[in-house]
Amino acid sequence: MKILLVDDERPARERLRALLREVRPDAEVAGEAGDGASAVALAGELAPDLVLLDIRMPGMDGLQAALAMQALERPPAVVFVTAYDEHALDAFEANAIDYLLKPVRTERLAAALEKAAVFSRAQREALQRAAGGEAISVTQRGAIRRIPLEEIICLRADSKYVEVHHQGGIAISDASLKSLEARFPGRFLRIHRNALVDPARLRELGRDPEGRPVVRLEGLTEALEVSRRHLPRVRELLR
């Protein structure tokens, strides 16, 4: 996640940097600004996923900056960070996704970042649809790329990420398994709470040495466990 920090006080920006390292160490602070006009310019230049934005600043304030950012080609998610709670209604009218009061608590920042992650995923998916063709954005060998659905063998939940097994190897998606299933209804078959597969690649239903049902897929050497709940549907498709 690429983040822009905006506050007219340097110590406040430094504290946010420290909190981000604690809460979301994989986040990238792409830039900083000390006023609204500079923030809008940097947002247009850097295309951040999220702007952590103070409200009371000299010149263009945070509310005006947030409204100006909505006109950008790729508007970022905005979370206001302020010492004053009287601006909450105005903040949400400016399309902010959250409103944090100083001093910012780590748990509130973590919740705001999760909201921003959902927002940025929605943006990426909209861009992918506009570009044509259905695909999933993944990280592989340090690069971000799109994997067309027809190349995907299965999706497996692993901790906070989803492993995307495809014809070229294994990549990582930050979307949840549930969101991917909802985004492409009918495209993948759920065989377990932690696995979706391409039903066209089903080849064999058997059992592992412990007697648990497993399936084998074209293009995947490892057999995948099938839960009791989803076993009837797998059997039906293989008949």
C-alpha atoms as a PDB file:
ATOM      1  CA  MET A   1       0.000   0.000   0.000  1.00  0.00           C
ATOM      2  CA  LYS A   2       1.398   3.397  -1.048  1.00  0.00           C
ATOM      3  CA  ILE A   3       0.689   6.180   1.479  1.00  0.00           C
ATOM      4  CA  LEU A   4       1.004   9.982   1.415  1.00  0.00           C
ATOM      5  CA  LEU A   5       1.380  11.750   4.787  1.00  0.00           C
ATOM      6  CA  VAL A   6      -0.012  15.294   5.050  1.00  0.00           C
ATOM      7  CA  ASP A   7       0.345  17.459   8.164  1.00  0.00           C
ATOM      8  CA  ASP A   8       1.745  20.947   8.655  1.00  0.00           C
ATOM      9  CA  GLU A   9       3.711  19.745  11.703  1.00  0.00           C
ATOM     10  CA  ARG A  10       6.783  17.594  11.028  1.00  0.00           C
ATOM     11  CA  PRO A  11       6.633  15.786  14.434  1.00  0.00           C
ATOM     12  CA  ALA A  12       3.083  14.675  13.613  1.00  0.00           C
ATOM     13  CA  ARG A  13       4.267  13.206  10.293  1.00  0.00           C
ATOM     14  CA  GLU A  14       7.163  11.469  12.039  1.00  0.00           C
ATOM     15  CA  ARG A  15       4.791   9.922  14.587  1.00  0.00           C
ATOM     16  CA  LEU A  16       2.562   8.624  11.792  1.00  0.00           C
ATOM     17  CA  ARG A  17       5.601   7.096  10.100  1.00  0.00           C
ATOM     18  CA  ALA A  18       6.518   5.321  13.332  1.00  0.00           C
ATOM     19  CA  LEU A  19       2.962   4.031  13.831  1.00  0.00           C
ATOM     20  CA  LEU A  20       2.841   2.776  10.241  1.00  0.00           C
ATOM     21  CA  ARG A  21       6.069   0.833  10.739  1.00  0.00           C
ATOM     22  CA  GLU A  22       4.468  -0.811  13.758  1.00  0.00           C
ATOM     23  CA  VAL A  23       1.027  -1.481  12.296  1.00  0.00           C
ATOM     24  CA  ARG A  24       1.761  -2.072   8.606  1.00  0.00           C
ATOM     25  CA  PRO A  25       5.505  -2.606   8.003  1.00  0.00           C
ATOM     26  CA  ASP A  26       4.904  -3.482   4.339  1.00  0.00           C
ATOM     27  CA  ALA A  27       3.322  -0.064   3.667  1.00  0.00           C
ATOM     28  CA  GLU A  28       5.326   2.407   1.578  1.00  0.00           C
ATOM     29  CA  VAL A  29       5.331   6.066   2.611  1.00  0.00           C
ATOM     30  CA  ALA A  30       5.621   7.541  -0.884  1.00  0.00           C
ATOM     31  CA  GLY A  31       5.819  11.185   0.183  1.00  0.00           C
ATOM     32  CA  GLU A  32       4.974  13.924   2.673  1.00  0.00           C
ATOM     33  CA  ALA A  33       3.351  17.340   2.410  1.00  0.00           C
ATOM     34  CA  GLY A  34       2.816  20.194   4.857  1.00  0.00           C
ATOM     35  CA  ASP A  35      -0.171  21.892   3.213  1.00  0.00           C
ATOM     36  CA  GLY A  36      -3.231  21.058   1.150  1.00  0.00           C
ATOM     37  CA  ALA A  37      -2.062  22.407  -2.207  1.00  0.00           C
ATOM     38  CA  SER A  38       1.170  20.428  -2.048  1.00  0.00           C
ATOM     39  CA  ALA A  39      -0.795  17.344  -1.016  1.00  0.00           C
ATOM     40  CA  VAL A  40      -3.062  17.548  -4.075  1.00  0.00           C
ATOM     41  CA  ALA A  41      -0.074  18.003  -6.370  1.00  0.00           C
ATOM     42  CA  LEU A  42       1.769  15.039  -4.834  1.00  0.00           C
ATOM     43  CA  ALA A  43      -1.336  12.862  -4.955  1.00  0.00           C
ATOM     44  CA  GLY A  44      -1.577  13.517  -8.697  1.00  0.00           C
ATOM     45  CA  GLU A  45       2.110  12.772  -9.181  1.00  0.00           C
ATOM     46  CA  LEU A  46       2.538   9.731  -6.920  1.00  0.00           C
ATOM     47  CA  ALA A  47      -0.942   8.114  -7.236  1.00  0.00           C
ATOM     48  CA  PRO A  48      -0.984   6.889  -3.608  1.00  0.00           C
ATOM     49  CA  ASP A  49      -3.532   4.328  -2.444  1.00  0.00           C
ATOM     50  CA  LEU A  50      -4.137   6.285   0.754  1.00  0.00           C
ATOM     51  CA  VAL A  51      -3.661   9.837   2.072  1.00  0.00           C
ATOM     52  CA  LEU A  52      -3.437  10.367   5.830  1.00  0.00           C
ATOM     53  CA  LEU A  53      -4.584  13.979   5.904  1.00  0.00           C
ATOM     54  CA  ASP A  54      -4.624  16.647   8.597  1.00  0.00           C
ATOM     55  CA  ILE A  55      -7.547  19.113   8.441  1.00  0.00           C
ATOM     56  CA  ARG A  56      -6.316  22.405   9.923  1.00  0.00           C
ATOM     57  CA  MET A  57      -3.441  23.581   7.735  1.00  0.00           C
ATOM     58  CA  PRO A  58      -2.402  26.970   6.308  1.00  0.00           C
ATOM     59  CA  GLY A  59      -3.789  27.864   2.892  1.00  0.00           C
ATOM     60  CA  MET A  60      -5.842  25.024   1.417  1.00  0.00           C
ATOM     61  CA  ASP A  61      -7.062  22.975   4.373  1.00  0.00           C
ATOM     62  CA  GLY A  62      -7.510  19.221   4.478  1.00  0.00           C
ATOM     63  CA  LEU A  63     -11.205  19.257   3.606  1.00  0.00           C
ATOM     64  CA  GLN A  64     -10.565  21.333   0.484  1.00  0.00           C
ATOM     65  CA  ALA A  65      -7.621  19.108  -0.451  1.00  0.00           C
ATOM     66  CA  ALA A  66      -9.701  15.941  -0.092  1.00  0.00           C
ATOM     67  CA  LEU A  67     -12.388  17.349  -2.398  1.00  0.00           C
ATOM     68  CA  ALA A  68      -9.745  18.380  -4.938  1.00  0.00           C
ATOM     69  CA  MET A  69      -8.260  14.862  -4.885  1.00  0.00           C
ATOM     70  CA  GLN A  70     -11.608  13.405  -5.939  1.00  0.00           C
ATOM     71  CA  ALA A  71     -11.087  15.042  -9.342  1.00  0.00           C
ATOM     72  CA  LEU A  72      -7.809  13.185  -9.938  1.00  0.00           C
ATOM     73  CA  GLU A  73      -7.695  10.427 -12.541  1.00  0.00           C
ATOM     74  CA  ARG A  74      -6.951   7.939  -9.761  1.00  0.00           C
ATOM     75  CA  PRO A  75      -8.363   9.422  -6.536  1.00  0.00           C
ATOM     76  CA  PRO A  76      -6.841   7.977  -3.357  1.00  0.00           C
ATOM     77  CA  ALA A  77      -8.627   6.812  -0.253  1.00  0.00           C
ATOM     78  CA  VAL A  78      -8.546   9.571   2.385  1.00  0.00           C
ATOM     79  CA  VAL A  79      -8.320   9.164   6.151  1.00  0.00           C
ATOM     80  CA  PHE A  80      -8.385  12.395   8.158  1.00  0.00           C
ATOM     81  CA  VAL A  81      -6.029  12.632  11.139  1.00  0.00           C
ATOM     82  CA  THR A  82      -6.861  15.624  13.339  1.00  0.00           C
ATOM     83  CA  ALA A  83      -6.924  16.888  16.900  1.00  0.00           C
ATOM     84  CA  TYR A  84     -10.453  18.290  16.454  1.00  0.00           C
ATOM     85  CA  ASP A  85     -13.621  16.224  16.371  1.00  0.00           C
ATOM     86  CA  GLU A  86     -15.998  18.967  15.178  1.00  0.00           C
ATOM     87  CA  HIS A  87     -15.090  18.307  11.530  1.00  0.00           C
ATOM     88  CA  ALA A  88     -16.283  14.703  11.449  1.00  0.00           C
ATOM     89  CA  LEU A  89     -19.458  15.360   9.423  1.00  0.00           C
ATOM     90  CA  ASP A  90     -17.620  17.558   6.928  1.00  0.00           C
ATOM     91  CA  ALA A  91     -14.923  14.907   6.617  1.00  0.00           C
ATOM     92  CA  PHE A  92     -17.335  12.208   5.533  1.00  0.00           C
ATOM     93  CA  GLU A  93     -19.054  14.608   3.159  1.00  0.00           C
ATOM     94  CA  ALA A  94     -15.592  14.945   1.578  1.00  0.00           C
ATOM     95  CA  ASN A  95     -15.684  11.150   0.979  1.00  0.00           C
ATOM     96  CA  ALA A  96     -13.208  10.244   3.700  1.00  0.00           C
ATOM     97  CA  ILE A  97     -13.229   6.548   4.598  1.00  0.00           C
ATOM     98  CA  ASP A  98     -12.252   7.172   8.229  1.00  0.00           C
ATOM     99  CA  TYR A  99     -11.564   9.920  10.775  1.00  0.00           C
ATOM    100  CA  LEU A 100      -8.805   9.508  13.374  1.00  0.00           C
ATOM    101  CA  LEU A 101      -8.340  11.752  16.402  1.00  0.00           C
ATOM    102  CA  LYS A 102      -4.868  12.651  17.658  1.00  0.00           C
ATOM    103  CA  PRO A 103      -3.112  11.109  19.445  1.00  0.00           C
ATOM    104  CA  VAL A 104      -3.742   8.240  17.037  1.00  0.00           C
ATOM    105  CA  ARG A 105      -4.116   4.811  18.629  1.00  0.00           C
ATOM    106  CA  THR A 106      -2.535   1.835  16.865  1.00  0.00           C
ATOM    107  CA  GLU A 107      -5.743  -0.204  16.764  1.00  0.00           C
ATOM    108  CA  ARG A 108      -7.685   2.650  15.135  1.00  0.00           C
ATOM    109  CA  LEU A 109      -4.945   3.181  12.569  1.00  0.00           C
ATOM    110  CA  ALA A 110      -4.913  -0.544  11.792  1.00  0.00           C
ATOM    111  CA  ALA A 111      -8.688  -0.503  11.222  1.00  0.00           C
ATOM    112  CA  ALA A 112      -8.414   2.531   8.931  1.00  0.00           C
ATOM    113  CA  LEU A 113      -5.673   0.861   6.893  1.00  0.00           C
ATOM    114  CA  GLU A 114      -7.849  -2.216   6.445  1.00  0.00           C
ATOM    115  CA  LYS A 115     -10.670  -0.021   5.103  1.00  0.00           C
ATOM    116  CA  ALA A 116      -8.190   1.631   2.749  1.00  0.00           C
ATOM    117  CA  ALA A 117      -6.976  -1.762   1.525  1.00  0.00           C
ATOM    118  CA  VAL A 118     -10.540  -2.685   0.554  1.00  0.00           C
ATOM    119  CA  PHE A 119     -10.927   0.668  -1.203  1.00  0.00           C
ATOM    120  CA  SER A 120      -7.682   0.281  -3.164  1.00  0.00           C
ATOM    121  CA  ARG A 121      -8.557  -3.292  -4.191  1.00  0.00           C
ATOM    122  CA  ALA A 122     -11.868  -2.007  -5.543  1.00  0.00           C
ATOM    123  CA  GLN A 123      -9.975   0.637  -7.518  1.00  0.00           C
ATOM    124  CA  ARG A 124      -7.598  -1.928  -8.991  1.00  0.00           C
ATOM    125  CA  GLU A 125     -10.459  -4.234  -9.936  1.00  0.00           C
ATOM    126  CA  ALA A 126     -12.272  -1.359 -11.658  1.00  0.00           C
ATOM    127  CA  LEU A 127      -9.120  -0.568 -13.639  1.00  0.00           C
ATOM    128  CA  GLN A 128      -8.730  -4.209 -14.605  1.00  0.00           C
ATOM    129  CA  ARG A 129     -12.312  -4.385 -15.842  1.00  0.00           C
ATOM    130  CA  ALA A 130     -11.789  -1.197 -17.846  1.00  0.00           C
ATOM    131  CA  ALA A 131      -8.642  -2.651 -19.379  1.00  0.00           C
ATOM    132  CA  GLY A 132     -10.636  -5.644 -20.591  1.00  0.00           C
ATOM    133  CA  GLY A 133     -10.357  -9.309 -19.670  1.00  0.00           C
ATOM    134  CA  GLU A 134     -10.797 -10.824 -16.233  1.00  0.00           C
ATOM    135  CA  ALA A 135      -7.675 -11.275 -14.155  1.00  0.00           C
ATOM    136  CA  ILE A 136      -6.363 -11.222 -10.593  1.00  0.00           C
ATOM    137  CA  SER A 137      -3.613  -8.823  -9.526  1.00  0.00           C
ATOM    138  CA  VAL A 138      -0.778 -10.621  -7.749  1.00  0.00           C
ATOM    139  CA  THR A 139       2.737 -10.123  -6.439  1.00  0.00           C
ATOM    140  CA  GLN A 140       5.372 -12.459  -7.855  1.00  0.00           C
ATOM    141  CA  ARG A 141       9.150 -12.145  -7.489  1.00  0.00           C
ATOM    142  CA  GLY A 142       8.719  -8.595  -6.207  1.00  0.00           C
ATOM    143  CA  ALA A 143       6.655  -7.417  -9.186  1.00  0.00           C
ATOM    144  CA  ILE A 144       2.926  -6.760  -9.502  1.00  0.00           C
ATOM    145  CA  ARG A 145       1.255  -8.449 -12.457  1.00  0.00           C
ATOM    146  CA  ARG A 146      -2.147  -9.635 -13.656  1.00  0.00           C
ATOM    147  CA  ILE A 147      -2.904 -13.345 -14.001  1.00  0.00           C
ATOM    148  CA  PRO A 148      -5.739 -14.082 -16.464  1.00  0.00           C
ATOM    149  CA  LEU A 149      -8.400 -16.329 -14.945  1.00  0.00           C
ATOM    150  CA  GLU A 150      -7.893 -19.001 -17.591  1.00  0.00           C
ATOM    151  CA  GLU A 151      -4.304 -19.504 -16.348  1.00  0.00           C
ATOM    152  CA  ILE A 152      -5.310 -20.009 -12.697  1.00  0.00           C
ATOM    153  CA  ILE A 153      -5.400 -23.570 -11.362  1.00  0.00           C
ATOM    154  CA  CYS A 154      -6.449 -22.926  -7.781  1.00  0.00           C
ATOM    155  CA  LEU A 155      -6.545 -20.328  -4.992  1.00  0.00           C
ATOM    156  CA  ARG A 156      -5.450 -21.276  -1.479  1.00  0.00           C
ATOM    157  CA  ALA A 157      -5.759 -19.184   1.669  1.00  0.00           C
ATOM    158  CA  ASP A 158      -2.496 -18.944   3.602  1.00  0.00           C
ATOM    159  CA  SER A 159      -2.374 -16.755   6.716  1.00  0.00           C
ATOM    160  CA  LYS A 160      -3.266 -13.186   5.593  1.00  0.00           C
ATOM    161  CA  TYR A 161      -2.745 -13.827   1.891  1.00  0.00           C
ATOM    162  CA  VAL A 162      -4.050 -16.019  -0.922  1.00  0.00           C
ATOM    163  CA  GLU A 163      -1.692 -18.217  -2.925  1.00  0.00           C
ATOM    164  CA  VAL A 164      -2.556 -18.067  -6.624  1.00  0.00           C
ATOM    165  CA  HIS A 165      -1.385 -21.287  -8.290  1.00  0.00           C
ATOM    166  CA  HIS A 166      -1.222 -20.691 -12.021  1.00  0.00           C
ATOM    167  CA  GLN A 167       0.452 -22.068 -15.107  1.00  0.00           C
ATOM    168  CA  GLY A 168       3.567 -19.983 -14.461  1.00  0.00           C
ATOM    169  CA  GLY A 169       4.038 -20.832 -10.780  1.00  0.00           C
ATOM    170  CA  ILE A 170       2.739 -19.434  -7.499  1.00  0.00           C
ATOM    171  CA  ALA A 171       1.968 -15.788  -6.755  1.00  0.00           C
ATOM    172  CA  ILE A 172       0.397 -13.884  -3.859  1.00  0.00           C
ATOM    173  CA  SER A 173      -2.835 -11.874  -3.781  1.00  0.00           C
ATOM    174  CA  ASP A 174      -3.794  -9.576  -0.910  1.00  0.00           C
ATOM    175  CA  ALA A 175      -7.507 -10.153  -1.610  1.00  0.00           C
ATOM    176  CA  SER A 176      -9.370 -12.619   0.595  1.00  0.00           C
ATOM    177  CA  LEU A 177     -10.576 -15.965  -0.720  1.00  0.00           C
ATOM    178  CA  LYS A 178     -14.170 -14.941   0.024  1.00  0.00           C
ATOM    179  CA  SER A 179     -13.851 -11.683  -1.937  1.00  0.00           C
ATOM    180  CA  LEU A 180     -12.357 -13.473  -4.952  1.00  0.00           C
ATOM    181  CA  GLU A 181     -15.181 -16.019  -4.900  1.00  0.00           C
ATOM    182  CA  ALA A 182     -17.741 -13.187  -4.800  1.00  0.00           C
ATOM    183  CA  ARG A 183     -15.961 -11.203  -7.500  1.00  0.00           C
ATOM    184  CA  PHE A 184     -16.030 -14.106  -9.982  1.00  0.00           C
ATOM    185  CA  PRO A 185     -19.288 -15.939  -9.202  1.00  0.00           C
ATOM    186  CA  GLY A 186     -19.403 -19.423 -10.693  1.00  0.00           C
ATOM    187  CA  ARG A 187     -15.836 -19.238 -12.009  1.00  0.00           C
ATOM    188  CA  PHE A 188     -14.206 -21.203  -9.177  1.00  0.00           C
ATOM    189  CA  LEU A 189     -15.377 -24.217  -7.185  1.00  0.00           C
ATOM    190  CA  ARG A 190     -14.952 -24.190  -3.425  1.00  0.00           C
ATOM    191  CA  ILE A 191     -13.634 -27.534  -2.198  1.00  0.00           C
ATOM    192  CA  HIS A 192     -12.575 -26.477   1.287  1.00  0.00           C
ATOM    193  CA  ARG A 193     -12.798 -23.397   3.512  1.00  0.00           C
ATOM    194  CA  ASN A 194      -9.249 -22.562   2.392  1.00  0.00           C
ATOM    195  CA  ALA A 195      -9.341 -23.522  -1.302  1.00  0.00           C
ATOM    196  CA  LEU A 196     -11.050 -22.618  -4.587  1.00  0.00           C
ATOM    197  CA  VAL A 197     -10.250 -24.509  -7.792  1.00  0.00           C
ATOM    198  CA  ASP A 198     -10.936 -24.240 -11.499  1.00  0.00           C
ATOM    199  CA  PRO A 199     -13.611 -26.946 -11.948  1.00  0.00           C
ATOM    200  CA  ALA A 200     -12.497 -27.557 -15.553  1.00  0.00           C
ATOM    201  CA  ARG A 201      -9.169 -28.842 -14.170  1.00  0.00           C
ATOM    202  CA  LEU A 202     -10.669 -31.533 -11.914  1.00  0.00           C
ATOM    203  CA  ARG A 203      -9.160 -34.902 -12.866  1.00  0.00           C
ATOM    204  CA  GLU A 204      -9.490 -37.351  -9.984  1.00  0.00           C
ATOM    205  CA  LEU A 205     -11.149 -37.792  -6.607  1.00  0.00           C
ATOM    206  CA  GLY A 206      -9.430 -40.121  -4.172  1.00  0.00           C
ATOM    207  CA  ARG A 207      -8.200 -40.380  -0.591  1.00  0.00           C
ATOM    208  CA  ASP A 208      -4.933 -39.552   1.115  1.00  0.00           C
ATOM    209  CA  PRO A 209      -3.100 -42.029   3.414  1.00  0.00           C
ATOM    210  CA  GLU A 210      -5.202 -40.818   6.369  1.00  0.00           C
ATOM    211  CA  GLY A 211      -8.399 -41.549   4.459  1.00  0.00           C
ATOM    212  CA  ARG A 212      -9.360 -37.930   3.799  1.00  0.00           C
ATOM    213  CA  PRO A 213     -10.914 -37.136   0.393  1.00  0.00           C
ATOM    214  CA  VAL A 214      -8.585 -35.285  -1.988  1.00  0.00           C
ATOM    215  CA  VAL A 215      -8.735 -34.111  -5.588  1.00  0.00           C
ATOM    216  CA  ARG A 216      -6.054 -33.911  -8.235  1.00  0.00           C
ATOM    217  CA  LEU A 217      -6.052 -31.056 -10.708  1.00  0.00           C
ATOM    218  CA  GLU A 218      -4.541 -30.702 -14.145  1.00  0.00           C
ATOM    219  CA  GLY A 219      -1.370 -28.650 -13.784  1.00  0.00           C
ATOM    220  CA  LEU A 220      -0.936 -29.200 -10.029  1.00  0.00           C
ATOM    221  CA  THR A 221       1.210 -31.991  -8.583  1.00  0.00           C
ATOM    222  CA  GLU A 222      -0.159 -31.704  -5.050  1.00  0.00           C
ATOM    223  CA  ALA A 223      -3.504 -33.278  -4.181  1.00  0.00           C
ATOM    224  CA  LEU A 224      -5.926 -30.922  -2.383  1.00  0.00           C
ATOM    225  CA  GLU A 225      -8.140 -31.893   0.526  1.00  0.00           C
ATOM    226  CA  VAL A 226     -11.921 -31.755  -0.006  1.00  0.00           C
ATOM    227  CA  SER A 227     -14.120 -30.991   2.984  1.00  0.00           C
ATOM    228  CA  ARG A 228     -17.104 -33.178   3.760  1.00  0.00           C
ATOM    229  CA  ARG A 229     -19.429 -30.254   3.071  1.00  0.00           C
ATOM    230  CA  HIS A 230     -18.191 -29.785  -0.511  1.00  0.00           C
ATOM    231  CA  LEU A 231     -17.597 -33.430  -1.388  1.00  0.00           C
ATOM    232  CA  PRO A 232     -21.018 -34.071  -3.027  1.00  0.00           C
ATOM    233  CA  ARG A 233     -20.525 -31.218  -5.513  1.00  0.00           C
ATOM    234  CA  VAL A 234     -17.050 -32.458  -6.463  1.00  0.00           C
ATOM    235  CA  ARG A 235     -18.400 -35.987  -7.007  1.00  0.00           C
ATOM    236  CA  GLU A 236     -21.191 -34.596  -9.177  1.00  0.00           C
ATOM    237  CA  LEU A 237     -18.780 -32.702 -11.419  1.00  0.00           C
ATOM    238  CA  LEU A 238     -16.519 -35.726 -11.903  1.00  0.00           C
ATOM    239  CA  ARG A 239     -19.305 -38.090 -12.971  1.00  0.00           C
END
